[in-house]
Amino acid sequence: MKIQKGDYGYIKHQKKIEILKTSIMFALVIIIFTAGYVTTKSRLNLFTLVAVLGCLPASKELVSLIMILPRKGLEPGVYEKISPVAEKSSVAYEMVMTSYEKTMPLDCLAVLGNTMIGYSGSEKADVSLLEKHIRDICNGNKYKVTIKIFRDLDAFLERLSQLEEKGEPSELQDTVLNTMKAVSL
């Protein structure tokens, strides 16, 4: 089964993929340059041009690798606490939200009806900025949702269980969650 954005274990999986893609792309650049140099005994040839142009997509992959490398995945114990509680909610794990000001980890995001709650266990995460950023995305897409991000896992679990008891699923919740996945790393 392919691990997709929003699944548990995504960051660990994505790190491996990005390392592999970046390594292969730069290896191809080196092979092309070396082939041109060996055959013509000069670096002034068409192979060099192709190798230099090949650095563009390789560098793009390197940027993706640099963005994902410092991120940590969700701890298994935290996932084991959240997953049994979220039955009716649409849930995404291990998301990294990027705004113009900051990059912010979001360990879990749950949507039920018109309520969205999130958990970020990182001390570096600015919860108010994260809430504002998500609210701006939702407003830009004309989604009417209530948003609350928690730093405390117990408070998040308590609110999630309250939502599960009283909340009703809506057709919109999967759309909202897919939008959040689309704008995350």
N, C-alpha and C. Protein backbone atom coordinates (compact mmCIF):
# COMPACT_ATOMS: atom_id res chain seq x y z
N MET A 1 0.84 -1.19 0.00
CA MET A 1 0.00 0.00 0.00
C MET A 1 0.88 1.25 0.00
N LYS A 2 0.57 2.18 -0.86
CA LYS A 2 1.34 3.41 -0.96
C LYS A 2 0.94 4.37 0.15
N ILE A 3 1.94 4.93 0.80
CA ILE A 3 1.68 5.92 1.85
C ILE A 3 1.47 7.27 1.17
N GLN A 4 0.33 7.88 1.44
CA GLN A 4 0.00 9.15 0.81
C GLN A 4 0.07 10.28 1.82
N LYS A 5 0.06 11.49 1.31
CA LYS A 5 0.08 12.67 2.17
C LYS A 5 -1.11 12.62 3.12
N GLY A 6 -0.82 12.81 4.41
CA GLY A 6 -1.87 12.76 5.42
C GLY A 6 -1.95 11.42 6.15
N ASP A 7 -1.26 10.40 5.64
CA ASP A 7 -1.23 9.10 6.30
C ASP A 7 -0.15 9.08 7.38
N TYR A 8 -0.36 8.23 8.37
CA TYR A 8 0.66 8.05 9.41
C TYR A 8 1.89 7.42 8.76
N GLY A 9 3.07 7.95 9.06
CA GLY A 9 4.32 7.46 8.49
C GLY A 9 4.73 8.17 7.22
N TYR A 10 3.98 9.19 6.81
CA TYR A 10 4.25 9.88 5.56
C TYR A 10 5.62 10.56 5.55
N ILE A 11 5.98 11.22 6.63
CA ILE A 11 7.23 11.98 6.65
C ILE A 11 8.43 11.04 6.51
N LYS A 12 8.42 9.95 7.25
CA LYS A 12 9.52 8.98 7.17
C LYS A 12 9.62 8.42 5.75
N HIS A 13 8.49 8.08 5.18
CA HIS A 13 8.44 7.55 3.82
C HIS A 13 8.92 8.60 2.80
N GLN A 14 8.46 9.83 2.97
CA GLN A 14 8.80 10.89 2.03
C GLN A 14 10.29 11.24 2.08
N LYS A 15 10.89 11.15 3.27
CA LYS A 15 12.33 11.39 3.38
C LYS A 15 13.11 10.40 2.51
N LYS A 16 12.73 9.14 2.58
CA LYS A 16 13.40 8.11 1.77
C LYS A 16 13.22 8.38 0.29
N ILE A 17 12.00 8.72 -0.11
CA ILE A 17 11.71 9.00 -1.52
C ILE A 17 12.51 10.19 -2.02
N GLU A 18 12.53 11.27 -1.24
CA GLU A 18 13.25 12.49 -1.66
C GLU A 18 14.76 12.25 -1.75
N ILE A 19 15.31 11.50 -0.80
CA ILE A 19 16.75 11.18 -0.85
C ILE A 19 17.05 10.39 -2.11
N LEU A 20 16.22 9.40 -2.41
CA LEU A 20 16.43 8.56 -3.59
C LEU A 20 16.31 9.38 -4.88
N LYS A 21 15.26 10.18 -5.01
CA LYS A 21 15.06 10.98 -6.22
C LYS A 21 16.20 11.98 -6.42
N THR A 22 16.59 12.65 -5.33
CA THR A 22 17.66 13.65 -5.44
C THR A 22 18.98 12.98 -5.83
N SER A 23 19.28 11.85 -5.22
CA SER A 23 20.53 11.14 -5.52
C SER A 23 20.56 10.69 -6.98
N ILE A 24 19.47 10.13 -7.45
CA ILE A 24 19.41 9.66 -8.84
C ILE A 24 19.57 10.82 -9.81
N MET A 25 18.91 11.93 -9.54
CA MET A 25 18.99 13.06 -10.47
C MET A 25 20.40 13.65 -10.53
N PHE A 26 21.04 13.81 -9.38
CA PHE A 26 22.41 14.34 -9.42
C PHE A 26 23.39 13.32 -9.99
N ALA A 27 23.13 12.03 -9.78
CA ALA A 27 23.99 11.00 -10.38
C ALA A 27 23.88 11.05 -11.90
N LEU A 28 22.68 11.25 -12.42
CA LEU A 28 22.51 11.38 -13.87
C LEU A 28 23.26 12.58 -14.42
N VAL A 29 23.22 13.69 -13.70
CA VAL A 29 23.95 14.89 -14.12
C VAL A 29 25.45 14.59 -14.20
N ILE A 30 25.97 13.93 -13.17
CA ILE A 30 27.40 13.60 -13.14
C ILE A 30 27.75 12.62 -14.25
N ILE A 31 26.91 11.63 -14.49
CA ILE A 31 27.16 10.65 -15.55
C ILE A 31 27.17 11.32 -16.92
N ILE A 32 26.22 12.20 -17.17
CA ILE A 32 26.15 12.89 -18.47
C ILE A 32 27.38 13.77 -18.67
N PHE A 33 27.75 14.53 -17.64
CA PHE A 33 28.93 15.38 -17.76
C PHE A 33 30.19 14.54 -17.98
N THR A 34 30.33 13.46 -17.21
CA THR A 34 31.51 12.60 -17.33
C THR A 34 31.58 11.95 -18.70
N ALA A 35 30.44 11.50 -19.22
CA ALA A 35 30.41 10.88 -20.55
C ALA A 35 30.88 11.88 -21.61
N GLY A 36 30.44 13.10 -21.51
CA GLY A 36 30.87 14.12 -22.47
C GLY A 36 32.34 14.44 -22.34
N TYR A 37 32.83 14.51 -21.13
CA TYR A 37 34.24 14.84 -20.90
C TYR A 37 35.14 13.71 -21.39
N VAL A 38 34.74 12.47 -21.13
CA VAL A 38 35.55 11.32 -21.54
C VAL A 38 35.58 11.19 -23.06
N THR A 39 34.47 11.42 -23.71
CA THR A 39 34.43 11.24 -25.17
C THR A 39 35.09 12.38 -25.94
N THR A 40 35.02 13.61 -25.44
CA THR A 40 35.57 14.74 -26.20
C THR A 40 36.85 15.31 -25.59
N LYS A 41 37.22 14.87 -24.43
CA LYS A 41 38.41 15.36 -23.71
C LYS A 41 38.35 16.87 -23.44
N SER A 42 37.13 17.39 -23.37
CA SER A 42 36.92 18.81 -23.09
C SER A 42 35.57 18.97 -22.40
N ARG A 43 35.48 19.98 -21.57
CA ARG A 43 34.20 20.23 -20.92
C ARG A 43 33.30 21.12 -21.78
N LEU A 44 33.82 21.61 -22.87
CA LEU A 44 33.05 22.48 -23.77
C LEU A 44 32.38 21.64 -24.85
N ASN A 45 31.25 21.03 -24.49
CA ASN A 45 30.52 20.19 -25.44
C ASN A 45 29.03 20.21 -25.10
N LEU A 46 28.25 19.54 -25.92
CA LEU A 46 26.80 19.50 -25.73
C LEU A 46 26.40 18.74 -24.47
N PHE A 47 27.19 17.74 -24.10
CA PHE A 47 26.91 16.98 -22.88
C PHE A 47 26.96 17.89 -21.64
N THR A 48 27.89 18.81 -21.63
CA THR A 48 28.00 19.74 -20.50
C THR A 48 26.75 20.61 -20.41
N LEU A 49 26.27 21.07 -21.55
CA LEU A 49 25.05 21.87 -21.56
C LEU A 49 23.86 21.07 -21.02
N VAL A 50 23.74 19.83 -21.46
CA VAL A 50 22.65 18.97 -20.98
C VAL A 50 22.80 18.72 -19.48
N ALA A 51 24.03 18.51 -19.02
CA ALA A 51 24.27 18.28 -17.58
C ALA A 51 23.90 19.52 -16.77
N VAL A 52 24.26 20.69 -17.26
CA VAL A 52 23.93 21.93 -16.55
C VAL A 52 22.41 22.12 -16.50
N LEU A 53 21.74 21.87 -17.61
CA LEU A 53 20.27 21.97 -17.61
C LEU A 53 19.64 20.91 -16.72
N GLY A 54 20.30 19.76 -16.60
CA GLY A 54 19.81 18.70 -15.71
C GLY A 54 19.93 19.08 -14.25
N CYS A 55 20.76 20.06 -13.95
CA CYS A 55 20.89 20.53 -12.56
C CYS A 55 19.62 21.25 -12.08
N LEU A 56 18.84 21.79 -13.00
CA LEU A 56 17.62 22.51 -12.60
C LEU A 56 16.60 21.59 -11.91
N PRO A 57 16.17 20.50 -12.53
CA PRO A 57 15.23 19.63 -11.81
C PRO A 57 15.87 18.94 -10.61
N ALA A 58 17.17 18.66 -10.70
CA ALA A 58 17.86 18.04 -9.56
C ALA A 58 17.88 19.00 -8.38
N SER A 59 18.09 20.27 -8.65
CA SER A 59 18.09 21.27 -7.58
C SER A 59 16.70 21.45 -6.99
N LYS A 60 15.68 21.35 -7.82
CA LYS A 60 14.30 21.42 -7.32
C LYS A 60 14.03 20.28 -6.35
N GLU A 61 14.50 19.09 -6.68
CA GLU A 61 14.35 17.94 -5.78
C GLU A 61 15.16 18.15 -4.50
N LEU A 62 16.32 18.78 -4.62
CA LEU A 62 17.13 19.06 -3.44
C LEU A 62 16.41 20.00 -2.48
N VAL A 63 15.71 20.98 -3.02
CA VAL A 63 14.93 21.90 -2.18
C VAL A 63 13.84 21.12 -1.44
N SER A 64 13.16 20.21 -2.13
CA SER A 64 12.14 19.38 -1.47
C SER A 64 12.76 18.55 -0.35
N LEU A 65 13.93 18.02 -0.60
CA LEU A 65 14.64 17.23 0.42
C LEU A 65 15.00 18.09 1.62
N ILE A 66 15.50 19.29 1.36
CA ILE A 66 15.88 20.20 2.45
C ILE A 66 14.65 20.58 3.29
N MET A 67 13.50 20.72 2.66
CA MET A 67 12.28 21.08 3.39
C MET A 67 11.79 19.93 4.28
N ILE A 68 11.94 18.69 3.82
CA ILE A 68 11.36 17.56 4.56
C ILE A 68 12.34 16.96 5.58
N LEU A 69 13.64 17.11 5.37
CA LEU A 69 14.62 16.47 6.27
C LEU A 69 14.51 16.86 7.74
N PRO A 70 14.34 18.12 8.09
CA PRO A 70 14.29 18.45 9.52
C PRO A 70 12.99 18.05 10.21
N ARG A 71 12.01 17.60 9.46
CA ARG A 71 10.71 17.27 10.05
C ARG A 71 10.75 15.90 10.72
N LYS A 72 10.02 15.80 11.81
CA LYS A 72 9.91 14.53 12.52
C LYS A 72 8.49 14.01 12.35
N GLY A 73 8.38 12.72 12.23
CA GLY A 73 7.07 12.10 12.12
C GLY A 73 6.37 12.04 13.47
N LEU A 74 5.13 11.65 13.44
CA LEU A 74 4.33 11.51 14.64
C LEU A 74 4.81 10.29 15.42
N GLU A 75 4.92 10.45 16.73
CA GLU A 75 5.35 9.33 17.57
C GLU A 75 4.27 8.26 17.57
N PRO A 76 4.67 6.98 17.56
CA PRO A 76 3.68 5.89 17.51
C PRO A 76 2.69 5.93 18.67
N GLY A 77 3.14 6.30 19.85
CA GLY A 77 2.24 6.37 21.00
C GLY A 77 1.14 7.39 20.83
N VAL A 78 1.47 8.50 20.21
CA VAL A 78 0.48 9.55 19.96
C VAL A 78 -0.53 9.07 18.92
N TYR A 79 -0.04 8.43 17.88
CA TYR A 79 -0.94 7.90 16.84
C TYR A 79 -1.89 6.86 17.44
N GLU A 80 -1.36 6.01 18.30
CA GLU A 80 -2.19 4.97 18.93
C GLU A 80 -3.28 5.56 19.82
N LYS A 81 -3.04 6.75 20.37
CA LYS A 81 -4.05 7.41 21.20
C LYS A 81 -5.13 8.09 20.35
N ILE A 82 -4.72 8.65 19.23
CA ILE A 82 -5.66 9.42 18.40
C ILE A 82 -6.54 8.53 17.53
N SER A 83 -5.95 7.54 16.87
CA SER A 83 -6.69 6.77 15.86
C SER A 83 -7.95 6.07 16.37
N PRO A 84 -7.97 5.49 17.59
CA PRO A 84 -9.22 4.86 18.01
C PRO A 84 -10.35 5.86 18.31
N VAL A 85 -9.98 7.08 18.67
CA VAL A 85 -10.99 8.08 19.02
C VAL A 85 -11.68 8.62 17.76
N ALA A 86 -10.92 8.79 16.70
CA ALA A 86 -11.45 9.39 15.46
C ALA A 86 -12.15 8.34 14.62
N GLU A 87 -13.47 8.26 14.76
CA GLU A 87 -14.24 7.28 13.98
C GLU A 87 -15.00 7.94 12.84
N LYS A 88 -15.73 9.01 13.15
CA LYS A 88 -16.53 9.71 12.13
C LYS A 88 -15.74 10.83 11.45
N SER A 89 -14.67 11.26 12.09
CA SER A 89 -13.90 12.40 11.58
C SER A 89 -13.04 12.00 10.39
N SER A 90 -12.80 12.96 9.53
CA SER A 90 -11.79 12.81 8.48
C SER A 90 -10.49 13.31 9.10
N VAL A 91 -9.45 12.47 9.08
CA VAL A 91 -8.22 12.77 9.81
C VAL A 91 -7.01 12.69 8.88
N ALA A 92 -6.07 13.62 9.09
CA ALA A 92 -4.78 13.60 8.39
C ALA A 92 -3.68 13.74 9.43
N TYR A 93 -2.59 13.01 9.22
CA TYR A 93 -1.46 13.02 10.15
C TYR A 93 -0.22 13.58 9.46
N GLU A 94 0.73 14.02 10.28
CA GLU A 94 2.07 14.41 9.84
C GLU A 94 2.05 15.41 8.68
N MET A 95 1.38 16.51 8.89
CA MET A 95 1.34 17.55 7.87
C MET A 95 2.31 18.66 8.25
N VAL A 96 2.84 19.33 7.26
CA VAL A 96 3.71 20.49 7.47
C VAL A 96 3.11 21.64 6.68
N MET A 97 2.63 22.64 7.40
CA MET A 97 1.99 23.79 6.77
C MET A 97 3.03 24.89 6.59
N THR A 98 3.03 25.52 5.44
CA THR A 98 3.98 26.60 5.18
C THR A 98 3.22 27.88 4.89
N SER A 99 3.58 28.92 5.62
CA SER A 99 3.03 30.25 5.35
C SER A 99 4.20 31.11 4.86
N TYR A 100 3.92 32.37 4.57
CA TYR A 100 5.00 33.26 4.13
C TYR A 100 5.99 33.49 5.26
N GLU A 101 5.51 33.46 6.50
CA GLU A 101 6.36 33.76 7.65
C GLU A 101 7.12 32.55 8.17
N LYS A 102 6.49 31.38 8.16
CA LYS A 102 7.04 30.26 8.90
C LYS A 102 6.59 28.92 8.32
N THR A 103 7.35 27.88 8.66
CA THR A 103 6.96 26.50 8.37
C THR A 103 6.55 25.87 9.70
N MET A 104 5.35 25.29 9.75
CA MET A 104 4.80 24.82 11.02
C MET A 104 4.35 23.37 10.92
N PRO A 105 4.83 22.51 11.84
CA PRO A 105 4.38 21.12 11.84
C PRO A 105 2.98 20.99 12.43
N LEU A 106 2.20 20.11 11.87
CA LEU A 106 0.86 19.83 12.36
C LEU A 106 0.74 18.31 12.43
N ASP A 107 0.79 17.77 13.65
CA ASP A 107 0.82 16.32 13.83
C ASP A 107 -0.48 15.64 13.42
N CYS A 108 -1.60 16.28 13.70
CA CYS A 108 -2.89 15.69 13.37
C CYS A 108 -3.90 16.79 13.08
N LEU A 109 -4.73 16.56 12.10
CA LEU A 109 -5.80 17.48 11.76
C LEU A 109 -7.06 16.66 11.55
N ALA A 110 -8.11 16.98 12.30
CA ALA A 110 -9.37 16.24 12.20
C ALA A 110 -10.49 17.20 11.83
N VAL A 111 -11.34 16.76 10.91
CA VAL A 111 -12.47 17.57 10.47
C VAL A 111 -13.74 16.74 10.63
N LEU A 112 -14.71 17.31 11.33
CA LEU A 112 -16.01 16.66 11.48
C LEU A 112 -17.07 17.74 11.35
N GLY A 113 -17.93 17.59 10.36
CA GLY A 113 -18.94 18.61 10.11
C GLY A 113 -18.27 19.91 9.67
N ASN A 114 -18.56 20.98 10.40
CA ASN A 114 -17.93 22.27 10.09
C ASN A 114 -16.92 22.66 11.16
N THR A 115 -16.37 21.67 11.87
CA THR A 115 -15.37 21.93 12.90
C THR A 115 -14.06 21.25 12.54
N MET A 116 -12.98 22.00 12.63
CA MET A 116 -11.65 21.48 12.35
C MET A 116 -10.80 21.68 13.60
N ILE A 117 -10.19 20.59 14.08
CA ILE A 117 -9.28 20.70 15.21
C ILE A 117 -7.95 20.07 14.82
N GLY A 118 -6.88 20.61 15.38
CA GLY A 118 -5.56 20.10 15.07
C GLY A 118 -4.73 19.96 16.31
N TYR A 119 -3.68 19.15 16.20
CA TYR A 119 -2.73 18.95 17.29
C TYR A 119 -1.33 19.13 16.74
N SER A 120 -0.56 19.98 17.41
CA SER A 120 0.84 20.17 17.08
C SER A 120 1.64 20.08 18.37
N GLY A 121 2.37 19.00 18.53
CA GLY A 121 3.14 18.78 19.75
C GLY A 121 4.47 19.51 19.76
N SER A 122 4.82 20.15 18.67
CA SER A 122 6.10 20.85 18.58
C SER A 122 6.08 22.14 19.38
N GLU A 123 7.13 22.33 20.17
CA GLU A 123 7.25 23.58 20.94
C GLU A 123 7.53 24.76 20.02
N LYS A 124 8.09 24.49 18.84
CA LYS A 124 8.44 25.56 17.91
C LYS A 124 7.23 26.08 17.13
N ALA A 125 6.17 25.31 17.13
CA ALA A 125 4.99 25.70 16.34
C ALA A 125 4.28 26.88 16.99
N ASP A 126 4.00 27.89 16.20
CA ASP A 126 3.23 29.05 16.65
C ASP A 126 1.76 28.73 16.36
N VAL A 127 1.05 28.29 17.41
CA VAL A 127 -0.31 27.79 17.25
C VAL A 127 -1.25 28.87 16.72
N SER A 128 -1.12 30.09 17.20
CA SER A 128 -2.01 31.16 16.73
C SER A 128 -1.76 31.48 15.25
N LEU A 129 -0.50 31.48 14.83
CA LEU A 129 -0.18 31.71 13.42
C LEU A 129 -0.69 30.55 12.56
N LEU A 130 -0.56 29.34 13.08
CA LEU A 130 -1.05 28.16 12.37
C LEU A 130 -2.57 28.22 12.19
N GLU A 131 -3.27 28.58 13.25
CA GLU A 131 -4.73 28.74 13.17
C GLU A 131 -5.11 29.81 12.15
N LYS A 132 -4.42 30.94 12.20
CA LYS A 132 -4.70 32.04 11.27
C LYS A 132 -4.45 31.60 9.82
N HIS A 133 -3.35 30.89 9.61
CA HIS A 133 -3.01 30.43 8.26
C HIS A 133 -4.08 29.47 7.72
N ILE A 134 -4.50 28.53 8.55
CA ILE A 134 -5.54 27.58 8.13
C ILE A 134 -6.86 28.31 7.90
N ARG A 135 -7.18 29.26 8.76
CA ARG A 135 -8.41 30.04 8.60
C ARG A 135 -8.38 30.82 7.28
N ASP A 136 -7.23 31.41 6.95
CA ASP A 136 -7.10 32.14 5.69
C ASP A 136 -7.31 31.22 4.49
N ILE A 137 -6.76 30.01 4.56
CA ILE A 137 -6.94 29.05 3.47
C ILE A 137 -8.41 28.68 3.34
N CYS A 138 -9.05 28.41 4.46
CA CYS A 138 -10.48 28.05 4.44
C CYS A 138 -11.34 29.20 3.92
N ASN A 139 -11.06 30.42 4.38
CA ASN A 139 -11.82 31.58 3.91
C ASN A 139 -11.60 31.80 2.41
N GLY A 140 -10.37 31.60 1.95
CA GLY A 140 -10.07 31.76 0.53
C GLY A 140 -10.80 30.76 -0.34
N ASN A 141 -11.12 29.60 0.23
CA ASN A 141 -11.85 28.56 -0.50
C ASN A 141 -13.34 28.55 -0.17
N LYS A 142 -13.78 29.57 0.58
CA LYS A 142 -15.19 29.74 0.96
C LYS A 142 -15.72 28.59 1.83
N TYR A 143 -14.85 28.03 2.68
CA TYR A 143 -15.28 27.01 3.63
C TYR A 143 -15.64 27.69 4.94
N LYS A 144 -16.80 27.40 5.46
CA LYS A 144 -17.24 27.95 6.75
C LYS A 144 -16.96 26.91 7.83
N VAL A 145 -15.78 26.98 8.44
CA VAL A 145 -15.42 26.02 9.48
C VAL A 145 -14.88 26.74 10.70
N THR A 146 -15.07 26.11 11.86
CA THR A 146 -14.49 26.60 13.10
C THR A 146 -13.16 25.88 13.28
N ILE A 147 -12.11 26.62 13.63
CA ILE A 147 -10.77 26.05 13.69
C ILE A 147 -10.17 26.25 15.08
N LYS A 148 -9.61 25.19 15.62
CA LYS A 148 -8.89 25.27 16.90
C LYS A 148 -7.71 24.31 16.83
N ILE A 149 -6.52 24.83 17.14
CA ILE A 149 -5.30 24.02 17.17
C ILE A 149 -4.85 23.89 18.62
N PHE A 150 -4.54 22.67 19.03
CA PHE A 150 -4.11 22.39 20.39
C PHE A 150 -2.63 22.03 20.42
N ARG A 151 -1.97 22.43 21.48
CA ARG A 151 -0.60 22.00 21.71
C ARG A 151 -0.59 20.83 22.71
N ASP A 152 -1.61 20.76 23.54
CA ASP A 152 -1.72 19.72 24.55
C ASP A 152 -2.51 18.53 23.98
N LEU A 153 -1.90 17.35 24.00
CA LEU A 153 -2.53 16.16 23.42
C LEU A 153 -3.81 15.78 24.15
N ASP A 154 -3.80 15.86 25.47
CA ASP A 154 -5.00 15.48 26.23
C ASP A 154 -6.18 16.39 25.91
N ALA A 155 -5.93 17.69 25.79
CA ALA A 155 -7.00 18.63 25.43
C ALA A 155 -7.52 18.33 24.03
N PHE A 156 -6.61 18.00 23.11
CA PHE A 156 -7.01 17.64 21.75
C PHE A 156 -7.88 16.39 21.75
N LEU A 157 -7.45 15.36 22.48
CA LEU A 157 -8.21 14.11 22.54
C LEU A 157 -9.58 14.31 23.17
N GLU A 158 -9.64 15.16 24.19
CA GLU A 158 -10.92 15.45 24.84
C GLU A 158 -11.88 16.14 23.85
N ARG A 159 -11.37 17.13 23.13
CA ARG A 159 -12.20 17.85 22.16
C ARG A 159 -12.61 16.92 21.01
N LEU A 160 -11.71 16.06 20.58
CA LEU A 160 -12.02 15.12 19.51
C LEU A 160 -13.11 14.14 19.94
N SER A 161 -13.04 13.65 21.16
CA SER A 161 -14.08 12.73 21.64
C SER A 161 -15.43 13.45 21.78
N GLN A 162 -15.41 14.73 22.18
CA GLN A 162 -16.65 15.51 22.23
C GLN A 162 -17.26 15.66 20.83
N LEU A 163 -16.40 15.95 19.87
CA LEU A 163 -16.88 16.07 18.48
C LEU A 163 -17.47 14.76 17.99
N GLU A 164 -16.80 13.66 18.30
CA GLU A 164 -17.27 12.35 17.85
C GLU A 164 -18.64 12.02 18.45
N GLU A 165 -18.87 12.44 19.69
CA GLU A 165 -20.15 12.17 20.35
C GLU A 165 -21.28 13.01 19.76
N LYS A 166 -21.02 14.31 19.58
CA LYS A 166 -22.09 15.25 19.22
C LYS A 166 -22.11 15.62 17.75
N GLY A 167 -20.97 15.55 17.10
CA GLY A 167 -20.88 16.02 15.72
C GLY A 167 -21.46 15.05 14.71
N GLU A 168 -21.88 15.60 13.60
CA GLU A 168 -22.40 14.80 12.49
C GLU A 168 -21.50 15.02 11.27
N PRO A 169 -21.16 13.94 10.57
CA PRO A 169 -20.34 14.09 9.37
C PRO A 169 -21.05 14.92 8.31
N SER A 170 -20.27 15.62 7.51
CA SER A 170 -20.84 16.39 6.41
C SER A 170 -20.13 16.01 5.11
N GLU A 171 -20.75 16.36 4.01
CA GLU A 171 -20.15 16.09 2.70
C GLU A 171 -18.91 16.93 2.49
N LEU A 172 -18.85 18.06 3.16
CA LEU A 172 -17.77 19.02 2.97
C LEU A 172 -16.47 18.62 3.67
N GLN A 173 -16.54 17.79 4.71
CA GLN A 173 -15.35 17.56 5.53
C GLN A 173 -14.20 16.92 4.77
N ASP A 174 -14.47 15.99 3.86
CA ASP A 174 -13.39 15.39 3.07
C ASP A 174 -12.78 16.41 2.11
N THR A 175 -13.61 17.27 1.56
CA THR A 175 -13.13 18.32 0.66
C THR A 175 -12.21 19.28 1.39
N VAL A 176 -12.61 19.69 2.59
CA VAL A 176 -11.80 20.61 3.40
C VAL A 176 -10.47 19.95 3.74
N LEU A 177 -10.50 18.70 4.17
CA LEU A 177 -9.27 18.00 4.54
C LEU A 177 -8.36 17.82 3.33
N ASN A 178 -8.92 17.50 2.17
CA ASN A 178 -8.11 17.36 0.96
C ASN A 178 -7.46 18.68 0.56
N THR A 179 -8.15 19.78 0.79
CA THR A 179 -7.56 21.10 0.53
C THR A 179 -6.37 21.33 1.45
N MET A 180 -6.51 20.97 2.71
CA MET A 180 -5.41 21.14 3.67
C MET A 180 -4.21 20.26 3.29
N LYS A 181 -4.48 19.06 2.82
CA LYS A 181 -3.40 18.18 2.37
C LYS A 181 -2.70 18.77 1.16
N ALA A 182 -3.48 19.37 0.27
CA ALA A 182 -2.91 19.92 -0.96
C ALA A 182 -1.97 21.09 -0.69
N VAL A 183 -2.23 21.86 0.36
CA VAL A 183 -1.38 23.02 0.64
C VAL A 183 -0.26 22.70 1.63
N SER A 184 -0.19 21.47 2.11
CA SER A 184 0.89 21.11 3.03
C SER A 184 2.03 20.45 2.25
N LEU A 185 3.19 20.36 2.89
CA LEU A 185 4.33 19.71 2.24
C LEU A 185 4.11 18.22 2.13
